[in-house]
N, C-alpha and C. Protein backbone atom coordinates (compact mmCIF):
# COMPACT_ATOMS: atom_id res chain seq x y z
N MET A 1 0.78 -1.36 -0.23
CA MET A 1 -0.46 -0.40 0.36
C MET A 1 0.78 1.65 -0.24
N ALA A 2 0.43 1.90 -0.76
CA ALA A 2 1.14 3.22 -0.61
C ALA A 2 0.94 4.21 0.61
N LYS A 3 2.08 5.21 0.74
CA LYS A 3 2.28 5.98 2.13
C LYS A 3 1.19 6.81 2.62
N VAL A 4 1.12 6.98 4.53
CA VAL A 4 -0.35 7.43 4.43
C VAL A 4 0.87 9.10 5.25
N ILE A 5 0.77 10.06 4.39
CA ILE A 5 1.93 11.27 5.82
C ILE A 5 0.52 12.66 6.14
N LYS A 6 1.11 12.56 7.23
CA LYS A 6 0.61 13.53 8.18
C LYS A 6 0.51 15.00 7.60
N LEU A 7 0.02 15.74 7.51
CA LEU A 7 -0.57 17.11 6.98
C LEU A 7 0.94 17.64 7.49
N LYS A 8 1.11 17.45 8.63
CA LYS A 8 2.20 18.87 10.06
C LYS A 8 3.55 17.85 9.57
N ASP A 9 3.54 16.69 8.84
CA ASP A 9 5.23 16.02 8.21
C ASP A 9 5.05 16.27 6.62
N TYR A 10 4.31 17.27 6.05
CA TYR A 10 4.21 17.17 4.47
C TYR A 10 4.89 18.35 3.91
N GLU A 11 5.85 18.47 3.00
CA GLU A 11 6.15 20.07 2.78
C GLU A 11 5.57 20.07 1.41
N PRO A 12 5.20 20.69 0.79
CA PRO A 12 4.03 21.24 -0.24
C PRO A 12 6.17 21.34 -1.29
N LYS A 13 5.76 20.64 -2.07
CA LYS A 13 6.07 21.56 -3.93
C LYS A 13 5.92 21.68 -4.82
N GLY A 14 7.05 22.70 -5.44
CA GLY A 14 6.14 23.28 -6.75
C GLY A 14 5.69 22.00 -7.80
N SER A 15 6.38 20.60 -8.09
CA SER A 15 6.07 19.55 -8.75
C SER A 15 5.52 18.68 -7.80
N HIS A 16 4.59 19.13 -7.08
CA HIS A 16 3.63 18.24 -6.25
C HIS A 16 2.36 18.54 -6.75
N HIS A 17 1.37 17.25 -7.15
CA HIS A 17 -0.08 16.99 -7.82
C HIS A 17 -0.62 16.54 -7.46
N ILE A 18 -1.60 17.46 -6.53
CA ILE A 18 -2.89 17.21 -4.81
C ILE A 18 -3.67 17.23 -5.36
N PHE A 19 -4.57 15.98 -5.55
CA PHE A 19 -6.20 16.21 -5.30
C PHE A 19 -6.89 16.70 -3.80
N LEU A 20 -7.49 17.25 -3.85
CA LEU A 20 -8.45 17.63 -3.03
C LEU A 20 -9.97 16.84 -2.78
N ASP A 21 -9.84 16.41 -1.59
CA ASP A 21 -10.61 15.62 -1.46
C ASP A 21 -11.82 16.24 -0.86
N THR A 22 -13.48 16.36 -1.00
CA THR A 22 -14.49 17.29 -0.36
C THR A 22 -14.71 17.48 1.49
N ASN A 23 -13.69 16.60 1.94
CA ASN A 23 -13.67 16.43 3.56
C ASN A 23 -12.99 17.74 3.76
N VAL A 24 -12.04 17.89 3.42
CA VAL A 24 -10.80 18.81 3.33
C VAL A 24 -11.41 20.43 3.15
N LEU A 25 -11.95 20.21 1.92
CA LEU A 25 -12.53 21.34 1.63
C LEU A 25 -13.68 22.02 2.43
N ILE A 26 -14.41 21.21 2.84
CA ILE A 26 -15.23 21.53 3.70
C ILE A 26 -15.31 22.42 5.18
N TYR A 27 -14.00 21.39 5.72
CA TYR A 27 -12.69 22.12 7.01
C TYR A 27 -12.76 23.24 6.19
N ALA A 28 -12.23 23.35 5.23
CA ALA A 28 -11.57 24.72 5.72
C ALA A 28 -12.21 26.23 4.64
N PHE A 29 -13.62 25.93 4.14
CA PHE A 29 -14.53 26.41 2.97
C PHE A 29 -15.79 26.98 3.76
N ALA A 30 -16.31 26.21 4.82
CA ALA A 30 -18.25 26.15 5.29
C ALA A 30 -17.53 26.17 6.55
N PRO A 31 -19.08 26.97 6.81
CA PRO A 31 -18.80 27.63 8.06
C PRO A 31 -19.41 26.15 9.02
N ILE A 32 -19.65 25.42 8.60
CA ILE A 32 -20.25 23.98 9.30
C ILE A 32 -18.31 23.27 10.65
N ALA A 33 -17.84 23.83 10.11
CA ALA A 33 -16.54 22.74 10.32
C ALA A 33 -15.85 23.85 11.60
N ASN A 34 -16.20 25.27 11.70
CA ASN A 34 -15.81 26.06 12.88
C ASN A 34 -15.78 25.12 14.36
N TYR A 35 -16.54 24.06 14.09
CA TYR A 35 -16.55 23.15 15.46
C TYR A 35 -15.13 22.61 15.49
N LYS A 36 -13.90 22.38 15.12
CA LYS A 36 -12.90 22.29 14.97
C LYS A 36 -12.22 23.24 13.93
N ILE A 37 -11.40 24.55 14.46
CA ILE A 37 -10.58 25.40 14.78
C ILE A 37 -9.23 24.59 14.09
N GLU A 38 -8.74 24.12 14.39
CA GLU A 38 -7.13 23.53 15.11
C GLU A 38 -7.25 22.92 13.46
N ILE A 39 -8.32 21.94 13.11
CA ILE A 39 -7.95 21.06 12.18
C ILE A 39 -7.64 22.51 10.44
N GLN A 40 -8.95 23.34 10.87
CA GLN A 40 -9.18 24.26 10.07
C GLN A 40 -8.00 25.04 9.89
N LYS A 41 -7.33 25.72 10.35
CA LYS A 41 -6.15 26.31 10.58
C LYS A 41 -4.76 25.46 10.06
N GLN A 42 -4.94 23.90 9.86
CA GLN A 42 -4.24 23.11 9.37
C GLN A 42 -4.02 23.20 7.63
N ILE A 43 -5.44 23.07 7.75
CA ILE A 43 -5.34 22.96 6.48
C ILE A 43 -5.64 24.17 5.61
N THR A 44 -6.33 25.39 5.92
CA THR A 44 -5.63 26.70 5.77
C THR A 44 -4.23 27.32 5.27
N ASN A 45 -3.13 26.73 6.20
CA ASN A 45 -1.78 26.81 6.47
C ASN A 45 -1.72 26.31 5.49
N PHE A 46 -1.68 24.86 5.13
CA PHE A 46 -1.40 24.00 3.96
C PHE A 46 -1.51 25.28 2.66
N PHE A 47 -2.47 25.48 2.14
CA PHE A 47 -3.10 26.16 1.31
C PHE A 47 -2.22 27.26 1.31
N THR A 48 -2.06 27.81 1.92
CA THR A 48 -1.71 28.85 1.95
C THR A 48 -0.22 28.47 1.32
N THR A 49 0.68 27.76 2.23
CA THR A 49 2.17 27.09 1.15
C THR A 49 2.27 26.89 0.15
N ALA A 50 1.49 25.73 0.17
CA ALA A 50 1.13 24.79 -1.24
C ALA A 50 1.13 26.18 -2.48
N LYS A 51 0.48 27.67 -2.19
CA LYS A 51 0.19 28.20 -3.13
C LYS A 51 1.39 29.02 -3.14
N THR A 52 2.42 29.47 -2.52
CA THR A 52 3.47 30.29 -2.53
C THR A 52 4.38 29.29 -3.52
N VAL A 53 4.78 27.83 -3.29
CA VAL A 53 5.32 27.38 -3.71
C VAL A 53 4.86 27.39 -5.23
N LYS A 54 3.69 27.36 -5.33
CA LYS A 54 2.99 26.40 -6.59
C LYS A 54 2.74 25.34 -6.97
N THR A 55 1.96 25.02 -6.04
CA THR A 55 1.49 23.25 -5.90
C THR A 55 0.44 23.12 -6.88
N SER A 56 -0.08 22.51 -7.49
CA SER A 56 -0.66 22.34 -8.40
C SER A 56 -1.74 21.19 -7.51
N LEU A 57 -2.97 22.17 -7.33
CA LEU A 57 -4.06 21.64 -6.39
C LEU A 57 -5.06 21.26 -7.29
N TYR A 58 -6.40 20.20 -7.13
CA TYR A 58 -7.07 20.06 -8.37
C TYR A 58 -7.76 19.40 -7.56
N VAL A 59 -9.36 20.24 -7.84
CA VAL A 59 -10.70 19.57 -7.83
C VAL A 59 -11.38 19.38 -8.86
N THR A 60 -12.63 18.58 -9.15
CA THR A 60 -13.52 17.73 -9.94
C THR A 60 -14.57 18.52 -9.64
N SER A 61 -15.23 18.48 -10.78
CA SER A 61 -16.88 19.35 -10.54
C SER A 61 -17.41 17.73 -9.91
N LEU A 62 -17.61 16.83 -9.77
CA LEU A 62 -17.43 15.99 -8.75
C LEU A 62 -17.73 15.93 -7.24
N VAL A 63 -16.42 16.30 -7.05
CA VAL A 63 -15.93 17.09 -5.63
C VAL A 63 -16.24 18.56 -5.23
N LEU A 64 -17.02 19.15 -6.08
CA LEU A 64 -17.66 20.46 -5.99
C LEU A 64 -19.15 20.13 -5.50
N SER A 65 -19.63 18.75 -6.44
CA SER A 65 -21.44 19.01 -6.84
C SER A 65 -20.92 17.79 -4.64
N GLU A 66 -20.09 16.77 -4.49
CA GLU A 66 -19.96 16.48 -3.52
C GLU A 66 -20.52 18.06 -2.12
N TYR A 67 -19.08 19.20 -2.42
CA TYR A 67 -19.39 19.94 -1.32
C TYR A 67 -20.69 20.79 -1.58
N TYR A 68 -21.44 21.01 -2.29
CA TYR A 68 -22.50 21.83 -2.66
C TYR A 68 -23.44 20.67 -1.89
N ASN A 69 -23.84 19.79 -1.69
CA ASN A 69 -24.97 19.54 -1.50
C ASN A 69 -24.56 18.87 -0.44
N VAL A 70 -23.36 17.77 0.56
CA VAL A 70 -23.08 18.16 2.13
C VAL A 70 -23.36 19.35 2.39
N LEU A 71 -23.51 20.81 2.01
CA LEU A 71 -24.09 21.83 2.99
C LEU A 71 -25.09 22.56 2.62
N PHE A 72 -25.56 21.92 1.44
CA PHE A 72 -26.63 22.72 0.92
C PHE A 72 -27.79 21.23 1.81
N GLN A 73 -27.60 19.82 1.89
CA GLN A 73 -28.74 19.22 3.10
C GLN A 73 -28.53 19.73 4.53
N HIS A 74 -27.13 19.94 4.85
CA HIS A 74 -27.25 20.20 6.55
C HIS A 74 -27.91 21.95 6.39
N ASP A 75 -27.91 22.81 5.40
CA ASP A 75 -28.49 24.06 5.83
C ASP A 75 -30.30 24.11 5.70
N PHE A 76 -30.17 22.86 4.61
CA PHE A 76 -31.96 22.29 5.29
C PHE A 76 -32.41 21.73 6.32
N LYS A 77 -31.74 20.83 6.67
CA LYS A 77 -31.78 19.66 7.98
C LYS A 77 -31.78 21.42 9.41
N HIS A 78 -31.29 22.45 9.30
CA HIS A 78 -30.89 23.50 10.03
C HIS A 78 -32.37 23.31 9.92
N TRP A 79 -32.50 24.21 8.78
CA TRP A 79 -34.17 25.29 8.62
C TRP A 79 -35.23 24.18 9.13
N GLN A 80 -35.44 23.19 9.06
CA GLN A 80 -36.13 21.97 9.22
C GLN A 80 -36.45 22.08 10.89
N ASN A 81 -35.12 22.17 11.26
CA ASN A 81 -35.08 21.84 12.89
C ASN A 81 -35.92 22.80 13.87
N GLN A 82 -36.17 24.40 12.99
CA GLN A 82 -36.34 25.42 13.21
C GLN A 82 -38.11 25.35 13.45
N SER A 83 -38.20 26.25 14.80
CA SER A 83 -39.44 25.53 15.70
C SER A 83 -40.79 26.38 14.05
N GLU A 84 -40.49 27.29 13.51
CA GLU A 84 -41.69 27.54 12.81
C GLU A 84 -41.40 26.25 11.47
N ASN A 85 -40.46 25.39 11.66
CA ASN A 85 -40.58 25.19 10.04
C ASN A 85 -41.08 23.46 10.20
N ILE A 86 -41.21 22.89 11.71
CA ILE A 86 -41.77 21.38 11.99
C ILE A 86 -42.10 20.97 10.91
N GLY A 87 -42.12 19.88 10.46
CA GLY A 87 -43.00 19.37 9.65
C GLY A 87 -43.39 19.93 8.30
N LYS A 88 -41.87 20.64 8.17
CA LYS A 88 -42.30 21.24 6.39
C LYS A 88 -40.91 20.31 6.16
N ASN A 89 -41.05 19.51 5.71
CA ASN A 89 -40.23 18.62 4.94
C ASN A 89 -40.04 18.72 3.50
N ASP A 90 -40.68 18.95 2.60
CA ASP A 90 -40.26 19.19 0.89
C ASP A 90 -38.91 20.34 0.42
N LEU A 91 -38.14 19.50 0.42
CA LEU A 91 -36.66 20.64 0.05
C LEU A 91 -37.69 21.81 -1.17
N LYS A 92 -38.37 20.73 -2.19
CA LYS A 92 -38.55 21.64 -3.38
C LYS A 92 -39.76 22.68 -3.09
N ILE A 93 -40.56 22.44 -2.28
CA ILE A 93 -42.08 23.15 -1.70
C ILE A 93 -41.79 23.88 -1.27
N ASP A 94 -41.15 23.41 0.05
CA ASP A 94 -41.21 23.99 1.60
C ASP A 94 -40.03 25.30 1.72
N TYR A 95 -38.45 24.42 1.15
CA TYR A 95 -37.94 25.54 1.62
C TYR A 95 -37.34 26.10 0.49
N ARG A 96 -37.61 26.00 -0.50
CA ARG A 96 -37.26 27.15 -1.69
C ARG A 96 -38.48 28.51 -1.61
N LYS A 97 -38.67 27.84 -1.03
CA LYS A 97 -39.49 29.53 -0.85
C LYS A 97 -38.89 30.59 0.45
N SER A 98 -38.13 30.06 0.84
CA SER A 98 -37.15 30.88 1.98
C SER A 98 -36.73 31.57 1.73
N SER A 99 -36.37 32.44 2.59
CA SER A 99 -34.98 33.36 2.59
C SER A 99 -34.16 32.55 2.81
N GLU A 100 -33.56 31.24 3.74
CA GLU A 100 -32.74 30.80 3.87
C GLU A 100 -32.14 29.64 2.76
N TYR A 101 -32.89 29.69 2.04
CA TYR A 101 -32.76 28.53 0.74
C TYR A 101 -31.56 29.98 0.33
N ILE A 102 -32.23 31.35 -0.33
CA ILE A 102 -30.60 31.96 -0.88
C ILE A 102 -30.06 31.87 -0.28
N GLU A 103 -29.49 32.26 0.82
CA GLU A 103 -28.82 32.50 1.94
C GLU A 103 -27.74 31.13 1.50
N SER A 104 -28.24 29.85 1.65
CA SER A 104 -27.76 28.94 1.36
C SER A 104 -27.18 28.58 0.44
N ILE A 105 -27.18 28.85 -0.74
CA ILE A 105 -27.19 28.68 -1.88
C ILE A 105 -25.92 29.61 -2.52
N GLU A 106 -26.10 31.15 -2.00
CA GLU A 106 -25.38 32.12 -2.18
C GLU A 106 -24.14 31.59 -1.36
N SER A 107 -24.21 31.34 -0.14
CA SER A 107 -23.40 31.08 1.00
C SER A 107 -22.32 29.59 0.26
N ILE A 108 -22.36 28.92 -0.12
CA ILE A 108 -22.03 27.49 -1.16
C ILE A 108 -21.70 28.35 -1.98
N ASN A 109 -22.25 28.77 -3.31
CA ASN A 109 -21.59 29.37 -4.49
C ASN A 109 -20.06 29.94 -3.32
N GLY A 110 -20.14 31.28 -2.68
CA GLY A 110 -18.91 31.69 -2.25
C GLY A 110 -17.80 31.02 -2.03
N GLY A 111 -18.24 29.84 -1.47
CA GLY A 111 -17.61 28.71 -1.01
C GLY A 111 -16.74 28.20 -1.75
N ILE A 112 -18.14 27.88 -2.86
CA ILE A 112 -16.82 27.25 -4.42
C ILE A 112 -16.03 28.02 -5.51
N LYS A 113 -16.85 30.16 -5.08
CA LYS A 113 -15.27 30.35 -5.97
C LYS A 113 -14.05 30.38 -5.08
N ASN A 114 -14.35 30.80 -3.81
CA ASN A 114 -12.98 30.45 -3.27
C ASN A 114 -12.51 29.13 -3.45
N ILE A 115 -12.84 28.18 -3.60
CA ILE A 115 -11.99 27.16 -3.09
C ILE A 115 -11.09 27.40 -4.77
N LEU A 116 -12.30 27.47 -6.00
CA LEU A 116 -11.37 27.97 -7.45
C LEU A 116 -10.42 29.20 -7.14
N LYS A 117 -10.08 29.56 -6.40
CA LYS A 117 -9.29 30.55 -6.35
C LYS A 117 -7.62 29.90 -6.43
N ILE A 118 -8.41 28.81 -4.88
CA ILE A 118 -6.39 28.38 -4.63
C ILE A 118 -6.59 26.75 -5.48
N ALA A 119 -7.26 25.85 -6.40
CA ALA A 119 -7.36 24.63 -6.77
C ALA A 119 -8.03 24.42 -8.74
N SER A 120 -7.29 24.63 -9.49
CA SER A 120 -7.32 23.70 -10.52
C SER A 120 -8.65 23.07 -10.56
N SER A 121 -9.84 23.30 -11.41
CA SER A 121 -10.61 22.38 -12.17
C SER A 121 -10.54 21.38 -13.26
N PHE A 122 -10.37 20.03 -12.84
CA PHE A 122 -9.88 19.04 -13.39
C PHE A 122 -10.95 18.31 -14.00
N PRO A 123 -10.96 18.10 -15.19
CA PRO A 123 -12.11 17.59 -16.24
C PRO A 123 -12.44 16.04 -15.53
N ASP A 124 -13.13 15.40 -15.18
CA ASP A 124 -13.31 14.18 -14.70
C ASP A 124 -13.00 12.92 -15.37
N ASP A 125 -12.99 13.57 -16.85
CA ASP A 125 -12.85 12.62 -17.69
C ASP A 125 -12.99 10.95 -17.55
N PHE A 126 -14.40 10.96 -17.60
CA PHE A 126 -15.43 9.90 -17.48
C PHE A 126 -15.31 8.86 -18.23
N ASN A 127 -15.05 9.60 -19.52
CA ASN A 127 -14.55 8.49 -20.78
C ASN A 127 -13.10 7.62 -20.90
N ALA A 128 -12.82 8.60 -19.92
CA ALA A 128 -11.29 8.26 -20.28
C ALA A 128 -10.97 6.65 -18.46
N ILE A 129 -11.53 6.99 -17.62
CA ILE A 129 -11.05 6.16 -16.56
C ILE A 129 -11.16 4.96 -16.92
N ASP A 130 -10.80 3.78 -16.56
CA ASP A 130 -11.03 2.06 -16.40
C ASP A 130 -12.49 2.19 -15.71
N LEU A 131 -13.60 1.80 -15.51
CA LEU A 131 -14.04 2.04 -14.27
C LEU A 131 -14.75 0.77 -14.19
N ASN A 132 -14.06 -0.12 -14.56
CA ASN A 132 -14.22 -1.68 -14.10
C ASN A 132 -12.85 -1.44 -12.87
N ASN A 133 -11.97 -1.20 -12.97
CA ASN A 133 -10.78 -0.29 -11.52
C ASN A 133 -12.08 0.27 -10.90
N VAL A 134 -12.53 1.46 -11.27
CA VAL A 134 -13.28 2.13 -9.79
C VAL A 134 -14.50 0.47 -9.24
N LEU A 135 -14.67 -0.26 -9.62
CA LEU A 135 -15.87 -1.12 -9.41
C LEU A 135 -15.26 -2.14 -8.58
N LYS A 136 -13.87 -2.45 -9.04
CA LYS A 136 -13.62 -3.58 -8.49
C LYS A 136 -12.58 -2.77 -6.95
N LEU A 137 -13.05 -1.38 -6.94
CA LEU A 137 -12.75 -1.40 -5.17
C LEU A 137 -13.82 -0.93 -4.66
N LEU A 138 -15.38 -0.53 -5.36
CA LEU A 138 -15.75 0.10 -4.42
C LEU A 138 -16.72 -1.25 -2.94
N PRO A 139 -16.39 -2.73 -2.66
CA PRO A 139 -16.66 -3.12 -1.52
C PRO A 139 -15.89 -2.49 -0.32
N HIS A 140 -15.11 -1.78 -0.64
CA HIS A 140 -14.43 -0.80 0.70
C HIS A 140 -14.61 0.57 0.85
N ALA A 141 -15.58 0.81 -0.07
CA ALA A 141 -16.02 2.50 -0.20
C ALA A 141 -16.78 3.38 -1.10
N ASP A 142 -17.00 3.88 -1.12
CA ASP A 142 -18.21 4.47 -1.90
C ASP A 142 -17.45 4.21 -3.06
N PHE A 143 -18.96 4.69 -3.73
CA PHE A 143 -18.15 5.41 -5.47
C PHE A 143 -17.80 6.39 -6.56
N ASN A 144 -17.80 7.36 -5.39
CA ASN A 144 -17.02 8.82 -4.87
C ASN A 144 -15.83 7.78 -4.47
N ASP A 145 -15.88 7.90 -3.84
CA ASP A 145 -14.14 7.58 -3.55
C ASP A 145 -13.20 6.56 -4.36
N CYS A 146 -14.24 6.05 -4.76
CA CYS A 146 -13.26 4.94 -5.31
C CYS A 146 -12.72 5.29 -7.09
N TYR A 147 -13.68 6.25 -7.18
CA TYR A 147 -13.54 7.29 -8.41
C TYR A 147 -12.70 8.34 -8.02
N PHE A 148 -12.36 8.50 -6.79
CA PHE A 148 -11.28 9.31 -6.85
C PHE A 148 -9.81 9.08 -6.32
N LEU A 149 -9.90 7.70 -5.93
CA LEU A 149 -9.06 6.54 -5.94
C LEU A 149 -8.06 6.47 -7.74
N GLU A 150 -9.04 6.02 -8.43
CA GLU A 150 -8.83 5.69 -9.50
C GLU A 150 -8.49 7.12 -10.51
N ILE A 151 -8.35 7.75 -10.34
CA ILE A 151 -7.96 10.06 -10.91
C ILE A 151 -6.99 9.70 -10.98
N ALA A 152 -6.86 9.51 -8.82
CA ALA A 152 -5.35 10.40 -8.75
C ALA A 152 -4.67 8.85 -9.10
N LYS A 153 -4.50 8.07 -9.14
CA LYS A 153 -3.81 6.69 -9.32
C LYS A 153 -3.07 7.22 -11.06
N GLN A 154 -4.34 7.70 -12.20
CA GLN A 154 -3.72 7.50 -13.41
C GLN A 154 -3.40 8.79 -13.47
N LYS A 155 -3.25 9.70 -12.81
CA LYS A 155 -2.88 10.90 -12.98
C LYS A 155 -1.08 11.18 -12.23
N GLY A 156 -0.84 10.14 -10.91
CA GLY A 156 0.21 9.97 -10.55
C GLY A 156 -0.50 11.24 -9.00
N TRP A 157 -1.33 11.22 -9.02
CA TRP A 157 -1.42 12.34 -7.87
C TRP A 157 -1.35 11.89 -6.09
N THR A 158 -1.47 12.88 -5.63
CA THR A 158 -1.34 12.29 -4.44
C THR A 158 -2.72 12.81 -3.86
N ILE A 159 -3.55 12.65 -2.68
CA ILE A 159 -4.29 13.62 -2.57
C ILE A 159 -5.02 13.65 -0.90
N LEU A 160 -5.80 14.74 -0.83
CA LEU A 160 -5.31 14.95 0.97
C LEU A 160 -6.74 14.89 1.40
N THR A 161 -6.92 14.34 2.29
CA THR A 161 -8.35 13.91 2.86
C THR A 161 -8.07 13.03 3.96
N ARG A 162 -9.77 13.68 4.69
CA ARG A 162 -9.49 13.00 6.33
C ARG A 162 -10.69 11.88 6.04
N ASP A 163 -10.56 11.14 5.00
CA ASP A 163 -11.79 9.81 4.65
C ASP A 163 -10.94 8.78 4.88
N LYS A 164 -11.56 8.19 6.20
CA LYS A 164 -11.18 6.90 6.32
C LYS A 164 -10.91 6.05 5.25
N ASP A 165 -12.19 6.23 4.66
CA ASP A 165 -12.31 4.76 3.35
C ASP A 165 -11.10 4.97 2.72
N ILE A 166 -11.09 6.11 2.64
CA ILE A 166 -9.63 6.60 1.33
C ILE A 166 -8.32 5.70 1.76
N ILE A 167 -8.27 6.87 2.91
CA ILE A 167 -6.94 6.29 3.72
C ILE A 167 -6.63 5.04 3.74
N ASN A 168 -7.44 4.46 4.56
CA ASN A 168 -7.41 2.86 5.14
C ASN A 168 -8.05 1.84 3.80
N HIS A 169 -8.18 2.15 1.81
CA HIS A 169 -8.22 0.94 1.56
C HIS A 169 -7.52 0.70 1.15
N PRO A 170 -7.95 -0.78 1.56
CA PRO A 170 -6.60 -1.88 1.17
C PRO A 170 -6.07 -2.23 -0.25
N PHE A 171 -6.44 -1.25 -1.44
CA PHE A 171 -6.02 -1.11 -2.79
C PHE A 171 -5.68 0.04 -3.17
N ARG A 172 -5.30 0.83 -2.09
CA ARG A 172 -4.69 2.06 -2.44
C ARG A 172 -4.04 1.96 -2.88
N ALA A 173 -3.37 2.68 -4.25
CA ALA A 173 -2.23 2.40 -5.07
C ALA A 173 -2.04 4.14 -4.65
N ILE A 174 -2.17 4.94 -4.63
CA ILE A 174 -1.78 5.96 -4.53
C ILE A 174 -1.03 7.00 -3.04
N ASP A 175 -0.27 7.74 -2.25
CA ASP A 175 -0.43 7.99 -1.41
C ASP A 175 -1.23 9.05 -1.16
N VAL A 176 -1.28 9.55 0.30
CA VAL A 176 -2.69 10.76 0.43
C VAL A 176 -1.66 11.04 2.01
N ILE A 177 -2.20 12.67 2.15
CA ILE A 177 -2.34 13.13 3.13
C ILE A 177 -3.40 13.50 3.86
N THR A 178 -2.79 13.49 4.90
CA THR A 178 -4.18 13.32 6.38
C THR A 178 -4.24 13.95 7.56
N ILE A 179 -5.10 14.67 8.03
CA ILE A 179 -4.87 15.68 9.09
C ILE A 179 -5.20 14.19 10.46
N LEU A 180 -5.78 13.04 10.06
CA LEU A 180 -6.03 12.30 11.55
C LEU A 180 -4.97 11.45 11.94
């Protein structure tokens, strides 16, 4: 298995190529991550150093989709738990009418714009991915994690993640950097 490198021990270089997993981006760019400020600081310090030395950082549309969906569902559930919204369970009918809906979208969109200031958007290359390789990895992680592992393997990238399924995947062929 490839290496697991602690973020505190990792020194980014200009020749490095790093795929950013969604969970790391949520810590760095989303308000729900404020409960672990120290982790957020480590990640943002890493981003600052990586950009200074011109490390290549990448995200895909699938990463941004996960980012959006996690935060949007969090905001919807928070809205539902407010006393005036108890019993309002339909996102499209109930939540879309609220001012909180627009605030959520604007906040998430702001986070995505900030992510794209530090990371290059990389095409998912679904047509070039060997889907059989992804499917072989599935018993040990969800589809997206396996897909990210395959993209990183094909490109020779390292993944920055806090996802234990990626870190501990028995067939992981690429190095990971983590805060765990």
